[in-house]
């Protein structure tokens, strides 16, 4: 091999190496998601995941559920209640729409969970009937007010307990969602109000990556 051929060979190898590293970086960036695009979609990821309290609640079928049982999928936790006049039906309708348009691979790795902030009225049967109006696969959790507050405070989506002695009372709560990873830890938040198109663009890459 002549000196010229060696020089060409080395240059080709260097170019191939640089190209390979560039492609790898791009692909890894896609797997991790574009931080700016995520934030624009209202998805705020925590710099470090948070442990969720090991609490036991009751699901919409009346069965005891430990929060550990949410593991295995990404969970969107929405703190609301079935007698809510505005935020809850709007939020659940939007989540139903987003869910209906997600690709199958993402859909299989995502679950929507309504955590009741009104355990006084939200029995398992009430939760099941209410969630059925939106999506039969939406899950519901209810429990003691103490446990519900522990969970809400742990994921930084607090609510104000209502005065249940007043007829037709309402509960002040947030429209934000807590985002839990498949390992059961909190990974971040999804801020309200939601932009369905932007969520649909970002959620698949997020939930399919681990």
C-alpha atoms as a PDB file:
ATOM      1  CA  UNK A   1       0.000   0.000   0.000  1.00  0.00           C
ATOM      2  CA  UNK A   2       1.448   3.347  -1.058  1.00  0.00           C
ATOM      3  CA  UNK A   3       1.745   6.340   1.242  1.00  0.00           C
ATOM      4  CA  UNK A   4      -1.127   8.021  -0.608  1.00  0.00           C
ATOM      5  CA  UNK A   5      -3.333   4.960  -0.206  1.00  0.00           C
ATOM      6  CA  UNK A   6      -2.505   4.781   3.512  1.00  0.00           C
ATOM      7  CA  UNK A   7      -3.399   8.458   3.918  1.00  0.00           C
ATOM      8  CA  UNK A   8      -6.720   7.960   2.124  1.00  0.00           C
ATOM      9  CA  UNK A   9      -7.442   4.847   4.216  1.00  0.00           C
ATOM     10  CA  UNK A  10      -6.772   6.703   7.473  1.00  0.00           C
ATOM     11  CA  UNK A  11      -8.929   9.646   6.400  1.00  0.00           C
ATOM     12  CA  UNK A  12     -11.791   7.313   5.489  1.00  0.00           C
ATOM     13  CA  UNK A  13     -11.494   5.538   8.845  1.00  0.00           C
ATOM     14  CA  UNK A  14     -11.531   8.839  10.749  1.00  0.00           C
ATOM     15  CA  UNK A  15     -14.552  10.091   8.810  1.00  0.00           C
ATOM     16  CA  UNK A  16     -16.351   6.787   9.461  1.00  0.00           C
ATOM     17  CA  UNK A  17     -15.577   7.025  13.173  1.00  0.00           C
ATOM     18  CA  UNK A  18     -16.836  10.622  13.423  1.00  0.00           C
ATOM     19  CA  UNK A  19     -19.958   9.736  11.442  1.00  0.00           C
ATOM     20  CA  UNK A  20     -20.604   6.745  13.672  1.00  0.00           C
ATOM     21  CA  UNK A  21     -20.257   8.804  16.842  1.00  0.00           C
ATOM     22  CA  UNK A  22     -22.530  11.488  15.444  1.00  0.00           C
ATOM     23  CA  UNK A  23     -25.241   8.981  14.517  1.00  0.00           C
ATOM     24  CA  UNK A  24     -24.951   7.341  17.925  1.00  0.00           C
ATOM     25  CA  UNK A  25     -25.329  10.694  19.649  1.00  0.00           C
ATOM     26  CA  UNK A  26     -28.392  11.542  17.573  1.00  0.00           C
ATOM     27  CA  UNK A  27     -29.996   8.188  18.274  1.00  0.00           C
ATOM     28  CA  UNK A  28     -29.300   8.450  21.982  1.00  0.00           C
ATOM     29  CA  UNK A  29     -30.720  11.944  21.994  1.00  0.00           C
ATOM     30  CA  UNK A  30     -33.886  10.609  20.412  1.00  0.00           C
ATOM     31  CA  UNK A  31     -34.172   7.893  23.028  1.00  0.00           C
ATOM     32  CA  UNK A  32     -33.806  10.418  25.819  1.00  0.00           C
ATOM     33  CA  UNK A  33     -36.202  12.898  24.284  1.00  0.00           C
ATOM     34  CA  UNK A  34     -35.684  16.526  23.450  1.00  0.00           C
ATOM     35  CA  UNK A  35     -35.814  18.438  26.777  1.00  0.00           C
ATOM     36  CA  UNK A  36     -37.080  21.609  25.114  1.00  0.00           C
ATOM     37  CA  UNK A  37     -39.824  19.757  23.240  1.00  0.00           C
ATOM     38  CA  UNK A  38     -40.839  17.903  26.402  1.00  0.00           C
ATOM     39  CA  UNK A  39     -41.131  21.127  28.377  1.00  0.00           C
ATOM     40  CA  UNK A  40     -43.088  22.726  25.527  1.00  0.00           C
ATOM     41  CA  UNK A  41     -45.517  19.800  25.772  1.00  0.00           C
ATOM     42  CA  UNK A  42     -45.884  20.423  29.507  1.00  0.00           C
ATOM     43  CA  UNK A  43     -43.814  17.383  30.490  1.00  0.00           C
ATOM     44  CA  UNK A  44     -41.423  18.312  33.300  1.00  0.00           C
ATOM     45  CA  UNK A  45     -38.917  15.599  34.212  1.00  0.00           C
ATOM     46  CA  UNK A  46     -37.296  15.616  37.629  1.00  0.00           C
ATOM     47  CA  UNK A  47     -33.489  15.712  37.785  1.00  0.00           C
ATOM     48  CA  UNK A  48     -33.723  12.738  40.152  1.00  0.00           C
ATOM     49  CA  UNK A  49     -36.611  10.296  40.559  1.00  0.00           C
ATOM     50  CA  UNK A  50     -38.601  10.324  43.813  1.00  0.00           C
ATOM     51  CA  UNK A  51     -39.667   7.346  45.880  1.00  0.00           C
ATOM     52  CA  UNK A  52     -43.450   7.032  46.260  1.00  0.00           C
ATOM     53  CA  UNK A  53     -44.801   6.066  49.711  1.00  0.00           C
ATOM     54  CA  UNK A  54     -45.639   2.381  50.162  1.00  0.00           C
ATOM     55  CA  UNK A  55     -49.346   2.945  50.771  1.00  0.00           C
ATOM     56  CA  UNK A  56     -52.323   0.639  50.357  1.00  0.00           C
ATOM     57  CA  UNK A  57     -55.531   1.900  48.773  1.00  0.00           C
ATOM     58  CA  UNK A  58     -58.658   0.404  47.209  1.00  0.00           C
ATOM     59  CA  UNK A  59     -59.249   0.180  43.461  1.00  0.00           C
ATOM     60  CA  UNK A  60     -62.424   0.680  41.437  1.00  0.00           C
ATOM     61  CA  UNK A  61     -63.240  -3.024  41.836  1.00  0.00           C
ATOM     62  CA  UNK A  62     -63.110  -2.822  45.617  1.00  0.00           C
ATOM     63  CA  UNK A  63     -59.807  -4.686  45.776  1.00  0.00           C
ATOM     64  CA  UNK A  64     -56.909  -3.614  48.007  1.00  0.00           C
ATOM     65  CA  UNK A  65     -54.025  -2.247  45.946  1.00  0.00           C
ATOM     66  CA  UNK A  66     -50.498  -1.432  47.018  1.00  0.00           C
ATOM     67  CA  UNK A  67     -48.921   1.400  45.055  1.00  0.00           C
ATOM     68  CA  UNK A  68     -46.104  -0.990  44.156  1.00  0.00           C
ATOM     69  CA  UNK A  69     -48.630  -2.742  41.925  1.00  0.00           C
ATOM     70  CA  UNK A  70     -48.541   0.204  39.539  1.00  0.00           C
ATOM     71  CA  UNK A  71     -45.034  -0.868  38.544  1.00  0.00           C
ATOM     72  CA  UNK A  72     -44.419  -2.229  35.063  1.00  0.00           C
ATOM     73  CA  UNK A  73     -46.020   0.675  33.217  1.00  0.00           C
ATOM     74  CA  UNK A  74     -45.752   4.433  33.109  1.00  0.00           C
ATOM     75  CA  UNK A  75     -48.577   5.862  35.212  1.00  0.00           C
ATOM     76  CA  UNK A  76     -50.349   9.192  34.864  1.00  0.00           C
ATOM     77  CA  UNK A  77     -51.749   9.972  38.321  1.00  0.00           C
ATOM     78  CA  UNK A  78     -54.582  12.481  38.344  1.00  0.00           C
ATOM     79  CA  UNK A  79     -55.896  13.657  41.718  1.00  0.00           C
ATOM     80  CA  UNK A  80     -59.576  14.390  41.245  1.00  0.00           C
ATOM     81  CA  UNK A  81     -63.070  13.218  42.167  1.00  0.00           C
ATOM     82  CA  UNK A  82     -66.248  12.014  40.526  1.00  0.00           C
ATOM     83  CA  UNK A  83     -68.449  14.922  41.653  1.00  0.00           C
ATOM     84  CA  UNK A  84     -66.052  17.489  40.177  1.00  0.00           C
ATOM     85  CA  UNK A  85     -67.973  19.957  37.986  1.00  0.00           C
ATOM     86  CA  UNK A  86     -65.226  21.012  35.586  1.00  0.00           C
ATOM     87  CA  UNK A  87     -61.527  20.087  35.804  1.00  0.00           C
ATOM     88  CA  UNK A  88     -62.007  16.339  36.165  1.00  0.00           C
ATOM     89  CA  UNK A  89     -64.365  15.598  33.263  1.00  0.00           C
ATOM     90  CA  UNK A  90     -62.340  17.883  30.997  1.00  0.00           C
ATOM     91  CA  UNK A  91     -59.032  16.265  31.986  1.00  0.00           C
ATOM     92  CA  UNK A  92     -60.302  12.690  31.672  1.00  0.00           C
ATOM     93  CA  UNK A  93     -61.868  13.450  28.288  1.00  0.00           C
ATOM     94  CA  UNK A  94     -58.532  14.841  27.060  1.00  0.00           C
ATOM     95  CA  UNK A  95     -56.630  11.824  28.379  1.00  0.00           C
ATOM     96  CA  UNK A  96     -59.112   9.520  26.665  1.00  0.00           C
ATOM     97  CA  UNK A  97     -58.506  11.358  23.396  1.00  0.00           C
ATOM     98  CA  UNK A  98     -54.713  11.238  23.768  1.00  0.00           C
ATOM     99  CA  UNK A  99     -54.837   7.550  24.683  1.00  0.00           C
ATOM    100  CA  UNK A 100     -56.999   6.729  21.656  1.00  0.00           C
ATOM    101  CA  UNK A 101     -54.389   8.207  19.291  1.00  0.00           C
ATOM    102  CA  UNK A 102     -51.222   6.749  20.815  1.00  0.00           C
ATOM    103  CA  UNK A 103     -49.365   4.045  18.882  1.00  0.00           C
ATOM    104  CA  UNK A 104     -49.926   0.525  20.222  1.00  0.00           C
ATOM    105  CA  UNK A 105     -46.399   0.183  21.633  1.00  0.00           C
ATOM    106  CA  UNK A 106     -46.836   3.305  23.766  1.00  0.00           C
ATOM    107  CA  UNK A 107     -50.396   2.440  24.737  1.00  0.00           C
ATOM    108  CA  UNK A 108     -49.298  -0.889  26.181  1.00  0.00           C
ATOM    109  CA  UNK A 109     -46.823   0.872  28.483  1.00  0.00           C
ATOM    110  CA  UNK A 110     -49.119   3.575  29.845  1.00  0.00           C
ATOM    111  CA  UNK A 111     -51.964   3.685  32.360  1.00  0.00           C
ATOM    112  CA  UNK A 112     -54.196   6.477  33.626  1.00  0.00           C
ATOM    113  CA  UNK A 113     -55.045   6.415  37.333  1.00  0.00           C
ATOM    114  CA  UNK A 114     -57.599   8.661  39.040  1.00  0.00           C
ATOM    115  CA  UNK A 115     -56.764   9.067  42.729  1.00  0.00           C
ATOM    116  CA  UNK A 116     -59.855  10.321  44.535  1.00  0.00           C
ATOM    117  CA  UNK A 117     -59.500  13.421  46.698  1.00  0.00           C
ATOM    118  CA  UNK A 118     -63.077  12.849  47.899  1.00  0.00           C
ATOM    119  CA  UNK A 119     -63.038   9.465  49.664  1.00  0.00           C
ATOM    120  CA  UNK A 120     -66.181  10.511  51.540  1.00  0.00           C
ATOM    121  CA  UNK A 121     -68.283  10.063  48.377  1.00  0.00           C
ATOM    122  CA  UNK A 122     -66.048   8.181  45.960  1.00  0.00           C
ATOM    123  CA  UNK A 123     -66.739   4.557  46.712  1.00  0.00           C
ATOM    124  CA  UNK A 124     -65.154   1.929  44.457  1.00  0.00           C
ATOM    125  CA  UNK A 125     -68.505   1.435  42.710  1.00  0.00           C
ATOM    126  CA  UNK A 126     -68.847   5.183  42.129  1.00  0.00           C
ATOM    127  CA  UNK A 127     -65.321   5.350  40.722  1.00  0.00           C
ATOM    128  CA  UNK A 128     -65.897   2.426  38.388  1.00  0.00           C
ATOM    129  CA  UNK A 129     -69.125   3.848  37.012  1.00  0.00           C
ATOM    130  CA  UNK A 130     -67.629   7.289  36.540  1.00  0.00           C
ATOM    131  CA  UNK A 131     -64.428   6.110  34.854  1.00  0.00           C
ATOM    132  CA  UNK A 132     -66.494   3.897  32.557  1.00  0.00           C
ATOM    133  CA  UNK A 133     -67.963   7.024  30.995  1.00  0.00           C
ATOM    134  CA  UNK A 134     -64.478   7.886  29.726  1.00  0.00           C
ATOM    135  CA  UNK A 135     -62.420   4.717  29.258  1.00  0.00           C
ATOM    136  CA  UNK A 136     -62.965   1.221  30.642  1.00  0.00           C
ATOM    137  CA  UNK A 137     -59.205   0.840  31.175  1.00  0.00           C
ATOM    138  CA  UNK A 138     -58.804   3.939  33.336  1.00  0.00           C
ATOM    139  CA  UNK A 139     -58.009   2.862  36.876  1.00  0.00           C
ATOM    140  CA  UNK A 140     -59.328   4.391  40.079  1.00  0.00           C
ATOM    141  CA  UNK A 141     -57.931   4.497  43.607  1.00  0.00           C
ATOM    142  CA  UNK A 142     -59.596   5.604  46.804  1.00  0.00           C
ATOM    143  CA  UNK A 143     -58.571   5.354  50.434  1.00  0.00           C
ATOM    144  CA  UNK A 144     -58.378   7.194  53.699  1.00  0.00           C
ATOM    145  CA  UNK A 145     -57.992  10.950  53.513  1.00  0.00           C
ATOM    146  CA  UNK A 146     -54.717  10.593  55.414  1.00  0.00           C
ATOM    147  CA  UNK A 147     -53.187   8.196  52.877  1.00  0.00           C
ATOM    148  CA  UNK A 148     -54.454  10.240  49.949  1.00  0.00           C
ATOM    149  CA  UNK A 149     -52.840  13.366  51.362  1.00  0.00           C
ATOM    150  CA  UNK A 150     -49.581  11.496  51.987  1.00  0.00           C
ATOM    151  CA  UNK A 151     -49.474  10.409  48.357  1.00  0.00           C
ATOM    152  CA  UNK A 152     -50.481  13.822  46.973  1.00  0.00           C
ATOM    153  CA  UNK A 153     -47.897  15.620  49.085  1.00  0.00           C
ATOM    154  CA  UNK A 154     -45.184  13.100  48.181  1.00  0.00           C
ATOM    155  CA  UNK A 155     -45.645  13.767  44.457  1.00  0.00           C
ATOM    156  CA  UNK A 156     -46.084  17.535  45.018  1.00  0.00           C
ATOM    157  CA  UNK A 157     -49.682  17.720  43.828  1.00  0.00           C
ATOM    158  CA  UNK A 158     -51.459  18.709  47.063  1.00  0.00           C
ATOM    159  CA  UNK A 159     -55.174  19.375  47.420  1.00  0.00           C
ATOM    160  CA  UNK A 160     -57.339  21.095  50.023  1.00  0.00           C
ATOM    161  CA  UNK A 161     -59.670  18.700  51.874  1.00  0.00           C
ATOM    162  CA  UNK A 162     -63.285  19.794  51.680  1.00  0.00           C
ATOM    163  CA  UNK A 163     -65.715  20.582  54.440  1.00  0.00           C
ATOM    164  CA  UNK A 164     -67.848  17.473  53.977  1.00  0.00           C
ATOM    165  CA  UNK A 165     -70.584  18.838  56.239  1.00  0.00           C
ATOM    166  CA  UNK A 166     -71.663  21.248  53.503  1.00  0.00           C
ATOM    167  CA  UNK A 167     -74.139  19.897  50.950  1.00  0.00           C
ATOM    168  CA  UNK A 168     -72.826  19.774  47.393  1.00  0.00           C
ATOM    169  CA  UNK A 169     -69.279  20.581  48.537  1.00  0.00           C
ATOM    170  CA  UNK A 170     -66.396  20.804  46.068  1.00  0.00           C
ATOM    171  CA  UNK A 171     -62.723  19.959  46.529  1.00  0.00           C
ATOM    172  CA  UNK A 172     -59.937  22.332  45.507  1.00  0.00           C
ATOM    173  CA  UNK A 173     -57.326  20.373  43.570  1.00  0.00           C
ATOM    174  CA  UNK A 174     -54.811  20.674  40.747  1.00  0.00           C
ATOM    175  CA  UNK A 175     -55.200  19.625  37.140  1.00  0.00           C
ATOM    176  CA  UNK A 176     -51.550  18.540  36.910  1.00  0.00           C
ATOM    177  CA  UNK A 177     -50.570  14.899  36.564  1.00  0.00           C
ATOM    178  CA  UNK A 178     -47.867  13.050  38.454  1.00  0.00           C
ATOM    179  CA  UNK A 179     -45.730  10.976  36.097  1.00  0.00           C
ATOM    180  CA  UNK A 180     -44.564   7.650  37.548  1.00  0.00           C
ATOM    181  CA  UNK A 181     -42.074   5.409  35.778  1.00  0.00           C
ATOM    182  CA  UNK A 182     -42.331   1.633  35.398  1.00  0.00           C
ATOM    183  CA  UNK A 183     -40.068   1.267  38.437  1.00  0.00           C
ATOM    184  CA  UNK A 184     -42.749   2.936  40.567  1.00  0.00           C
ATOM    185  CA  UNK A 185     -40.827   6.138  41.230  1.00  0.00           C
ATOM    186  CA  UNK A 186     -42.004   9.602  40.297  1.00  0.00           C
ATOM    187  CA  UNK A 187     -40.217  10.822  37.181  1.00  0.00           C
ATOM    188  CA  UNK A 188     -41.941  14.162  36.792  1.00  0.00           C
ATOM    189  CA  UNK A 189     -45.159  16.045  36.067  1.00  0.00           C
ATOM    190  CA  UNK A 190     -47.439  16.913  33.194  1.00  0.00           C
ATOM    191  CA  UNK A 191     -48.715  20.446  33.597  1.00  0.00           C
ATOM    192  CA  UNK A 192     -52.263  21.531  32.880  1.00  0.00           C
ATOM    193  CA  UNK A 193     -53.786  22.742  30.638  1.00  0.00           C
ATOM    194  CA  UNK A 194     -52.813  20.009  28.182  1.00  0.00           C
ATOM    195  CA  UNK A 195     -52.004  20.351  24.521  1.00  0.00           C
ATOM    196  CA  UNK A 196     -53.097  17.031  23.025  1.00  0.00           C
ATOM    197  CA  UNK A 197     -51.060  17.354  19.843  1.00  0.00           C
ATOM    198  CA  UNK A 198     -47.836  18.107  21.706  1.00  0.00           C
ATOM    199  CA  UNK A 199     -48.427  15.311  24.209  1.00  0.00           C
ATOM    200  CA  UNK A 200     -49.021  12.870  21.362  1.00  0.00           C
ATOM    201  CA  UNK A 201     -45.735  13.939  19.803  1.00  0.00           C
ATOM    202  CA  UNK A 202     -43.703  13.440  22.999  1.00  0.00           C
ATOM    203  CA  UNK A 203     -45.319  10.661  25.059  1.00  0.00           C
ATOM    204  CA  UNK A 204     -44.419   7.715  22.782  1.00  0.00           C
ATOM    205  CA  UNK A 205     -40.689   8.470  22.893  1.00  0.00           C
ATOM    206  CA  UNK A 206     -40.864   8.925  26.653  1.00  0.00           C
ATOM    207  CA  UNK A 207     -42.774   5.796  27.657  1.00  0.00           C
ATOM    208  CA  UNK A 208     -41.078   3.458  25.182  1.00  0.00           C
ATOM    209  CA  UNK A 209     -37.543   4.233  26.288  1.00  0.00           C
ATOM    210  CA  UNK A 210     -37.413   2.109  29.477  1.00  0.00           C
END
